[in-house]
C-alpha atoms as a PDB file:
ATOM      1  CA  UNK A   1      -0.411   0.063   0.126  1.00  0.00           C
ATOM      2  CA  UNK A   2       1.179   3.636  -1.354  1.00  0.00           C
ATOM      3  CA  UNK A   3      -0.034   6.006   1.912  1.00  0.00           C
ATOM      4  CA  UNK A   4      -0.149   9.867   1.468  1.00  0.00           C
ATOM      5  CA  UNK A   5      -0.625  11.557   4.837  1.00  0.00           C
ATOM      6  CA  UNK A   6      -1.646  15.437   4.802  1.00  0.00           C
ATOM      7  CA  UNK A   7       1.483  16.415   2.240  1.00  0.00           C
ATOM      8  CA  UNK A   8       1.656  19.838   1.689  1.00  0.00           C
ATOM      9  CA  UNK A   9       4.263  22.516  -0.255  1.00  0.00           C
ATOM     10  CA  UNK A  10       4.698  26.087   0.627  1.00  0.00           C
ATOM     11  CA  UNK A  11       6.775  28.825  -0.638  1.00  0.00           C
ATOM     12  CA  UNK A  12       6.952  31.715   1.819  1.00  0.00           C
ATOM     13  CA  UNK A  13       3.332  32.904   1.569  1.00  0.00           C
ATOM     14  CA  UNK A  14       2.579  30.840  -1.548  1.00  0.00           C
ATOM     15  CA  UNK A  15       0.821  27.233  -0.935  1.00  0.00           C
ATOM     16  CA  UNK A  16       1.709  25.144  -4.125  1.00  0.00           C
ATOM     17  CA  UNK A  17      -0.200  22.265  -2.687  1.00  0.00           C
ATOM     18  CA  UNK A  18      -2.437  22.136   0.143  1.00  0.00           C
ATOM     19  CA  UNK A  19      -2.361  19.354   3.084  1.00  0.00           C
ATOM     20  CA  UNK A  20      -3.854  16.113   1.125  1.00  0.00           C
ATOM     21  CA  UNK A  21      -4.201  12.628   1.943  1.00  0.00           C
ATOM     22  CA  UNK A  22      -4.955   9.471  -0.063  1.00  0.00           C
ATOM     23  CA  UNK A  23      -3.847   5.651  -0.385  1.00  0.00           C
ATOM     24  CA  UNK A  24      -3.343   3.228  -3.338  1.00  0.00           C
ATOM     25  CA  UNK A  25      -3.327  -0.387  -3.313  1.00  0.00           C
ATOM     26  CA  UNK A  26      -1.265  -2.511  -5.581  1.00  0.00           C
ATOM     27  CA  UNK A  27      -2.445  -2.331  -9.124  1.00  0.00           C
ATOM     28  CA  UNK A  28      -4.474   0.656  -8.596  1.00  0.00           C
ATOM     29  CA  UNK A  29      -3.990   4.129 -10.724  1.00  0.00           C
ATOM     30  CA  UNK A  30      -4.609   7.536  -9.625  1.00  0.00           C
ATOM     31  CA  UNK A  31      -4.716  10.220 -12.100  1.00  0.00           C
ATOM     32  CA  UNK A  32      -4.107  13.676 -11.233  1.00  0.00           C
ATOM     33  CA  UNK A  33      -6.019  16.942 -13.593  1.00  0.00           C
ATOM     34  CA  UNK A  34      -6.464  20.263 -13.383  1.00  0.00           C
ATOM     35  CA  UNK A  35      -5.033  23.097 -15.138  1.00  0.00           C
ATOM     36  CA  UNK A  36      -1.137  24.451 -15.303  1.00  0.00           C
ATOM     37  CA  UNK A  37      -0.196  25.532 -11.898  1.00  0.00           C
ATOM     38  CA  UNK A  38      -2.822  23.314 -10.467  1.00  0.00           C
ATOM     39  CA  UNK A  39      -0.458  21.494  -8.249  1.00  0.00           C
ATOM     40  CA  UNK A  40       0.086  18.222 -10.196  1.00  0.00           C
ATOM     41  CA  UNK A  41       3.417  18.311 -10.874  1.00  0.00           C
ATOM     42  CA  UNK A  42       4.344  19.801  -7.266  1.00  0.00           C
ATOM     43  CA  UNK A  43       2.473  16.815  -6.148  1.00  0.00           C
ATOM     44  CA  UNK A  44       4.791  13.996  -8.278  1.00  0.00           C
ATOM     45  CA  UNK A  45       7.943  16.064  -7.707  1.00  0.00           C
ATOM     46  CA  UNK A  46       7.462  15.248  -3.970  1.00  0.00           C
ATOM     47  CA  UNK A  47       6.657  11.799  -4.436  1.00  0.00           C
ATOM     48  CA  UNK A  48       9.665  11.441  -6.848  1.00  0.00           C
ATOM     49  CA  UNK A  49      11.528  12.672  -3.984  1.00  0.00           C
ATOM     50  CA  UNK A  50      12.678  15.842  -5.669  1.00  0.00           C
ATOM     51  CA  UNK A  51      11.181  17.927  -3.664  1.00  0.00           C
ATOM     52  CA  UNK A  52      10.737  17.825  -0.133  1.00  0.00           C
ATOM     53  CA  UNK A  53       7.232  18.523   1.391  1.00  0.00           C
ATOM     54  CA  UNK A  54       6.484  21.351   3.842  1.00  0.00           C
ATOM     55  CA  UNK A  55       4.512  19.068   5.865  1.00  0.00           C
ATOM     56  CA  UNK A  56       3.156  15.369   6.288  1.00  0.00           C
ATOM     57  CA  UNK A  57       4.501  11.641   5.399  1.00  0.00           C
ATOM     58  CA  UNK A  58       4.653   9.558   2.077  1.00  0.00           C
ATOM     59  CA  UNK A  59       4.829   5.819   2.887  1.00  0.00           C
ATOM     60  CA  UNK A  60       5.770   3.061   0.635  1.00  0.00           C
ATOM     61  CA  UNK A  61       4.425  -0.599   2.604  1.00  0.00           C
ATOM     62  CA  UNK A  62       6.832  -0.016   5.232  1.00  0.00           C
ATOM     63  CA  UNK A  63       9.356   2.357   3.776  1.00  0.00           C
ATOM     64  CA  UNK A  64       9.044   6.070   4.670  1.00  0.00           C
ATOM     65  CA  UNK A  65      10.265   8.433   2.243  1.00  0.00           C
ATOM     66  CA  UNK A  66      11.908  10.768   5.210  1.00  0.00           C
ATOM     67  CA  UNK A  67      12.966   8.121   7.306  1.00  0.00           C
ATOM     68  CA  UNK A  68      13.691   5.443   4.740  1.00  0.00           C
ATOM     69  CA  UNK A  69      14.402   7.589   1.494  1.00  0.00           C
ATOM     70  CA  UNK A  70      17.320   5.106  -0.050  1.00  0.00           C
ATOM     71  CA  UNK A  71      14.793   2.282   0.199  1.00  0.00           C
ATOM     72  CA  UNK A  72      11.729   4.171  -0.600  1.00  0.00           C
ATOM     73  CA  UNK A  73      13.341   5.278  -4.335  1.00  0.00           C
ATOM     74  CA  UNK A  74      14.358   1.916  -5.075  1.00  0.00           C
ATOM     75  CA  UNK A  75      10.968   1.045  -5.412  1.00  0.00           C
ATOM     76  CA  UNK A  76      10.012   4.292  -7.165  1.00  0.00           C
ATOM     77  CA  UNK A  77      10.508   4.844 -10.938  1.00  0.00           C
ATOM     78  CA  UNK A  78       9.889   8.526 -12.531  1.00  0.00           C
ATOM     79  CA  UNK A  79       9.289   9.816 -15.742  1.00  0.00           C
ATOM     80  CA  UNK A  80       9.656  13.807 -15.666  1.00  0.00           C
ATOM     81  CA  UNK A  81       7.362  16.289 -18.232  1.00  0.00           C
ATOM     82  CA  UNK A  82      10.391  17.517 -20.016  1.00  0.00           C
ATOM     83  CA  UNK A  83      13.392  15.906 -21.519  1.00  0.00           C
ATOM     84  CA  UNK A  84      16.778  17.293 -20.264  1.00  0.00           C
ATOM     85  CA  UNK A  85      19.268  14.130 -21.343  1.00  0.00           C
ATOM     86  CA  UNK A  86      22.432  14.440 -23.290  1.00  0.00           C
ATOM     87  CA  UNK A  87      21.447  15.218 -27.110  1.00  0.00           C
ATOM     88  CA  UNK A  88      24.398  13.334 -28.447  1.00  0.00           C
ATOM     89  CA  UNK A  89      23.761   9.948 -26.561  1.00  0.00           C
ATOM     90  CA  UNK A  90      21.995   7.465 -28.833  1.00  0.00           C
ATOM     91  CA  UNK A  91      18.614   5.990 -27.979  1.00  0.00           C
ATOM     92  CA  UNK A  92      20.320   2.534 -27.145  1.00  0.00           C
ATOM     93  CA  UNK A  93      23.064   4.548 -24.986  1.00  0.00           C
ATOM     94  CA  UNK A  94      20.596   6.524 -22.761  1.00  0.00           C
ATOM     95  CA  UNK A  95      18.473   3.650 -22.147  1.00  0.00           C
ATOM     96  CA  UNK A  96      21.901   1.375 -21.086  1.00  0.00           C
ATOM     97  CA  UNK A  97      22.888   4.439 -18.807  1.00  0.00           C
ATOM     98  CA  UNK A  98      19.243   4.563 -16.768  1.00  0.00           C
ATOM     99  CA  UNK A  99      19.500   0.762 -17.000  1.00  0.00           C
ATOM    100  CA  UNK A 100      22.915   0.874 -15.390  1.00  0.00           C
ATOM    101  CA  UNK A 101      21.650   3.080 -12.255  1.00  0.00           C
ATOM    102  CA  UNK A 102      19.283   0.240 -11.709  1.00  0.00           C
ATOM    103  CA  UNK A 103      20.915  -2.838 -12.255  1.00  0.00           C
ATOM    104  CA  UNK A 104      18.836  -3.696 -15.349  1.00  0.00           C
ATOM    105  CA  UNK A 105      19.657  -6.471 -17.496  1.00  0.00           C
ATOM    106  CA  UNK A 106      20.539  -5.521 -21.098  1.00  0.00           C
ATOM    107  CA  UNK A 107      17.782  -7.664 -22.281  1.00  0.00           C
ATOM    108  CA  UNK A 108      15.366  -5.807 -20.350  1.00  0.00           C
ATOM    109  CA  UNK A 109      16.804  -2.918 -22.176  1.00  0.00           C
ATOM    110  CA  UNK A 110      15.972  -4.585 -25.341  1.00  0.00           C
ATOM    111  CA  UNK A 111      12.418  -5.549 -24.461  1.00  0.00           C
ATOM    112  CA  UNK A 112      11.738  -1.778 -23.551  1.00  0.00           C
ATOM    113  CA  UNK A 113      13.256  -0.902 -26.500  1.00  0.00           C
ATOM    114  CA  UNK A 114      10.698  -2.610 -28.854  1.00  0.00           C
ATOM    115  CA  UNK A 115       7.801  -1.919 -25.990  1.00  0.00           C
ATOM    116  CA  UNK A 116       8.342   1.883 -27.230  1.00  0.00           C
ATOM    117  CA  UNK A 117       8.572   1.365 -30.830  1.00  0.00           C
ATOM    118  CA  UNK A 118      12.361   2.544 -31.051  1.00  0.00           C
ATOM    119  CA  UNK A 119      14.372  -0.384 -31.968  1.00  0.00           C
ATOM    120  CA  UNK A 120      15.132   0.924 -35.635  1.00  0.00           C
ATOM    121  CA  UNK A 121      15.931   4.117 -33.843  1.00  0.00           C
ATOM    122  CA  UNK A 122      18.486   2.640 -31.210  1.00  0.00           C
ATOM    123  CA  UNK A 123      21.585   4.057 -32.864  1.00  0.00           C
ATOM    124  CA  UNK A 124      20.089   7.515 -33.622  1.00  0.00           C
ATOM    125  CA  UNK A 125      20.851  10.306 -31.196  1.00  0.00           C
ATOM    126  CA  UNK A 126      18.519  11.993 -29.053  1.00  0.00           C
ATOM    127  CA  UNK A 127      18.876  15.245 -30.751  1.00  0.00           C
ATOM    128  CA  UNK A 128      17.791  13.582 -34.029  1.00  0.00           C
ATOM    129  CA  UNK A 129      14.275  12.347 -32.417  1.00  0.00           C
ATOM    130  CA  UNK A 130      10.924  14.136 -32.775  1.00  0.00           C
ATOM    131  CA  UNK A 131       9.036  15.146 -29.749  1.00  0.00           C
ATOM    132  CA  UNK A 132       6.965  12.083 -29.778  1.00  0.00           C
ATOM    133  CA  UNK A 133       9.933  10.075 -29.933  1.00  0.00           C
ATOM    134  CA  UNK A 134      11.855  11.503 -27.145  1.00  0.00           C
ATOM    135  CA  UNK A 135       8.387  11.177 -25.020  1.00  0.00           C
ATOM    136  CA  UNK A 136       8.698   7.649 -25.864  1.00  0.00           C
ATOM    137  CA  UNK A 137      12.168   7.242 -24.392  1.00  0.00           C
ATOM    138  CA  UNK A 138      11.631   9.110 -21.618  1.00  0.00           C
ATOM    139  CA  UNK A 139       8.928   6.795 -20.859  1.00  0.00           C
ATOM    140  CA  UNK A 140      10.989   3.785 -21.659  1.00  0.00           C
ATOM    141  CA  UNK A 141      13.665   4.729 -18.876  1.00  0.00           C
ATOM    142  CA  UNK A 142      10.981   4.693 -16.230  1.00  0.00           C
ATOM    143  CA  UNK A 143       9.705   1.368 -17.812  1.00  0.00           C
ATOM    144  CA  UNK A 144      13.253  -0.154 -17.563  1.00  0.00           C
ATOM    145  CA  UNK A 145      13.260  -1.042 -13.386  1.00  0.00           C
ATOM    146  CA  UNK A 146      10.788  -3.791 -11.684  1.00  0.00           C
ATOM    147  CA  UNK A 147       9.222  -0.715  -9.434  1.00  0.00           C
ATOM    148  CA  UNK A 148       6.341  -0.893  -7.082  1.00  0.00           C
ATOM    149  CA  UNK A 149       5.085   2.719  -8.162  1.00  0.00           C
ATOM    150  CA  UNK A 150       5.498   4.481 -11.330  1.00  0.00           C
ATOM    151  CA  UNK A 151       5.327   8.201 -11.463  1.00  0.00           C
ATOM    152  CA  UNK A 152       4.533   9.953 -14.966  1.00  0.00           C
ATOM    153  CA  UNK A 153       4.199  13.564 -15.322  1.00  0.00           C
ATOM    154  CA  UNK A 154       2.325  14.366 -18.864  1.00  0.00           C
ATOM    155  CA  UNK A 155       3.408  11.204 -20.395  1.00  0.00           C
ATOM    156  CA  UNK A 156       0.926  11.532 -23.228  1.00  0.00           C
ATOM    157  CA  UNK A 157       2.402  15.129 -24.148  1.00  0.00           C
ATOM    158  CA  UNK A 158       3.422  14.891 -27.583  1.00  0.00           C
ATOM    159  CA  UNK A 159       2.355  11.396 -28.673  1.00  0.00           C
ATOM    160  CA  UNK A 160       0.061  11.092 -31.666  1.00  0.00           C
ATOM    161  CA  UNK A 161      -3.086   9.023 -31.367  1.00  0.00           C
ATOM    162  CA  UNK A 162      -1.264   5.737 -31.869  1.00  0.00           C
ATOM    163  CA  UNK A 163       0.841   5.968 -29.341  1.00  0.00           C
ATOM    164  CA  UNK A 164      -1.370   7.642 -26.821  1.00  0.00           C
ATOM    165  CA  UNK A 165      -3.191   4.362 -27.468  1.00  0.00           C
ATOM    166  CA  UNK A 166      -0.122   2.249 -27.096  1.00  0.00           C
ATOM    167  CA  UNK A 167       0.202   4.340 -23.868  1.00  0.00           C
ATOM    168  CA  UNK A 168      -2.670   3.053 -22.753  1.00  0.00           C
ATOM    169  CA  UNK A 169      -1.793  -0.431 -23.372  1.00  0.00           C
ATOM    170  CA  UNK A 170       1.469  -0.707 -21.898  1.00  0.00           C
ATOM    171  CA  UNK A 171       0.171   0.842 -18.641  1.00  0.00           C
ATOM    172  CA  UNK A 172      -2.697  -1.550 -18.298  1.00  0.00           C
ATOM    173  CA  UNK A 173      -0.129  -4.541 -18.412  1.00  0.00           C
ATOM    174  CA  UNK A 174       1.830  -2.713 -16.015  1.00  0.00           C
ATOM    175  CA  UNK A 175      -1.330  -2.662 -13.735  1.00  0.00           C
ATOM    176  CA  UNK A 176      -1.761  -6.217 -14.304  1.00  0.00           C
ATOM    177  CA  UNK A 177       1.819  -6.660 -12.606  1.00  0.00           C
ATOM    178  CA  UNK A 178       0.397  -4.994  -9.457  1.00  0.00           C
ATOM    179  CA  UNK A 179       2.445  -1.889 -10.172  1.00  0.00           C
ATOM    180  CA  UNK A 180       0.546   1.671  -8.907  1.00  0.00           C
ATOM    181  CA  UNK A 181       0.613   4.150 -11.208  1.00  0.00           C
ATOM    182  CA  UNK A 182       0.532   7.571 -10.268  1.00  0.00           C
ATOM    183  CA  UNK A 183       0.457  10.302 -13.397  1.00  0.00           C
ATOM    184  CA  UNK A 184      -0.951  13.763 -14.732  1.00  0.00           C
ATOM    185  CA  UNK A 185      -2.650  14.819 -17.779  1.00  0.00           C
ATOM    186  CA  UNK A 186      -4.938  16.862 -19.711  1.00  0.00           C
ATOM    187  CA  UNK A 187      -6.409  14.016 -21.522  1.00  0.00           C
ATOM    188  CA  UNK A 188      -9.910  12.892 -20.181  1.00  0.00           C
ATOM    189  CA  UNK A 189     -10.012   9.915 -22.005  1.00  0.00           C
ATOM    190  CA  UNK A 190      -7.034   8.577 -20.987  1.00  0.00           C
ATOM    191  CA  UNK A 191      -7.807   9.514 -17.483  1.00  0.00           C
ATOM    192  CA  UNK A 192     -10.922   7.542 -18.144  1.00  0.00           C
ATOM    193  CA  UNK A 193      -9.315   4.725 -19.542  1.00  0.00           C
ATOM    194  CA  UNK A 194      -6.767   4.091 -16.942  1.00  0.00           C
ATOM    195  CA  UNK A 195      -7.709   5.612 -13.524  1.00  0.00           C
ATOM    196  CA  UNK A 196      -9.010   3.934 -10.673  1.00  0.00           C
ATOM    197  CA  UNK A 197      -9.355   7.289  -9.136  1.00  0.00           C
ATOM    198  CA  UNK A 198      -9.241  10.762 -10.665  1.00  0.00           C
ATOM    199  CA  UNK A 199      -8.104  14.009  -8.553  1.00  0.00           C
ATOM    200  CA  UNK A 200      -9.179  17.279  -9.776  1.00  0.00           C
ATOM    201  CA  UNK A 201      -6.678  20.110  -8.745  1.00  0.00           C
ATOM    202  CA  UNK A 202      -6.711  23.406  -8.656  1.00  0.00           C
ATOM    203  CA  UNK A 203      -4.494  26.139  -7.103  1.00  0.00           C
ATOM    204  CA  UNK A 204      -2.693  23.418  -4.776  1.00  0.00           C
ATOM    205  CA  UNK A 205      -6.026  22.258  -3.771  1.00  0.00           C
ATOM    206  CA  UNK A 206      -7.925  18.837  -4.275  1.00  0.00           C
ATOM    207  CA  UNK A 207     -11.431  20.004  -5.410  1.00  0.00           C
ATOM    208  CA  UNK A 208     -12.779  16.764  -6.779  1.00  0.00           C
ATOM    209  CA  UNK A 209     -12.373  12.972  -6.516  1.00  0.00           C
ATOM    210  CA  UNK A 210     -14.056  10.562  -8.172  1.00  0.00           C
ATOM    211  CA  UNK A 211     -13.892   6.598  -7.958  1.00  0.00           C
ATOM    212  CA  UNK A 212     -13.938   5.167 -11.467  1.00  0.00           C
ATOM    213  CA  UNK A 213     -15.647   1.512 -11.455  1.00  0.00           C
ATOM    214  CA  UNK A 214     -15.127   1.277 -15.641  1.00  0.00           C
ATOM    215  CA  UNK A 215     -18.357   0.642 -16.492  1.00  0.00           C
ATOM    216  CA  UNK A 216     -18.724   3.076 -19.522  1.00  0.00           C
ATOM    217  CA  UNK A 217     -15.525   4.696 -20.442  1.00  0.00           C
ATOM    218  CA  UNK A 218     -17.455   6.793 -22.978  1.00  0.00           C
ATOM    219  CA  UNK A 219     -19.684   8.202 -20.642  1.00  0.00           C
ATOM    220  CA  UNK A 220     -17.200   8.585 -17.911  1.00  0.00           C
ATOM    221  CA  UNK A 221     -14.941  10.511 -20.436  1.00  0.00           C
ATOM    222  CA  UNK A 222     -17.600  13.298 -20.862  1.00  0.00           C
ATOM    223  CA  UNK A 223     -18.168  13.529 -17.193  1.00  0.00           C
ATOM    224  CA  UNK A 224     -14.414  14.271 -16.776  1.00  0.00           C
ATOM    225  CA  UNK A 225     -14.255  16.389 -19.482  1.00  0.00           C
ATOM    226  CA  UNK A 226     -17.352  19.066 -18.133  1.00  0.00           C
ATOM    227  CA  UNK A 227     -15.142  18.312 -15.051  1.00  0.00           C
ATOM    228  CA  UNK A 228     -11.889  19.786 -16.446  1.00  0.00           C
ATOM    229  CA  UNK A 229     -13.481  22.661 -18.074  1.00  0.00           C
ATOM    230  CA  UNK A 230     -15.251  23.815 -15.010  1.00  0.00           C
ATOM    231  CA  UNK A 231     -14.215  22.951 -11.464  1.00  0.00           C
ATOM    232  CA  UNK A 232     -12.593  25.130  -9.582  1.00  0.00           C
ATOM    233  CA  UNK A 233     -11.908  25.701  -6.048  1.00  0.00           C
ATOM    234  CA  UNK A 234     -14.894  26.985  -3.715  1.00  0.00           C
ATOM    235  CA  UNK A 235     -13.305  30.172  -2.423  1.00  0.00           C
END
């Protein structure tokens, strides 16, 4: 179980993330929705260990982010929302580098190359890739370790419709393996397909939480679209 208890982030007088709590079971997916600056990336940065919370605790099974940071981080994998890789590395070198940091065998690197559709581009330099290919490469490095939690910040940005569908299928397989997924998106159809719980944030506050029973994806997508356009924190 993944437990967040009263997690918050404050910069002087600015509240980037008001205290929030939730828990996630194995194989479940939480989707974070909301406009720019809503607090989605702030929460993911905290969970990935990039940013320190102003208050609260994060616990994965028996490992606390604060007290057992090293062990906690060995069970987390993360995809940022922007690409900062060395542009002159090849695609394969990029994945081999990140794989070496997590003791990932070479056969897993090759498997991930196939999964993200970049096997034919493995000798291409990162600087030669399109936006969508770079996004898939970022996803690939997050898929390398056998982690208990995968954190994805706007993973569908720059993907074409085919690869959005492929992303959904990949994440469904990840869920079947018992991995917890937390990701942010502006795409409500993706949220409806994958999310077991959808959280809408606005100005750092959780303003709406919905359970997804996966009964009628089309109707649920329309409901999320309506909320995404209208939901705001009550002043």
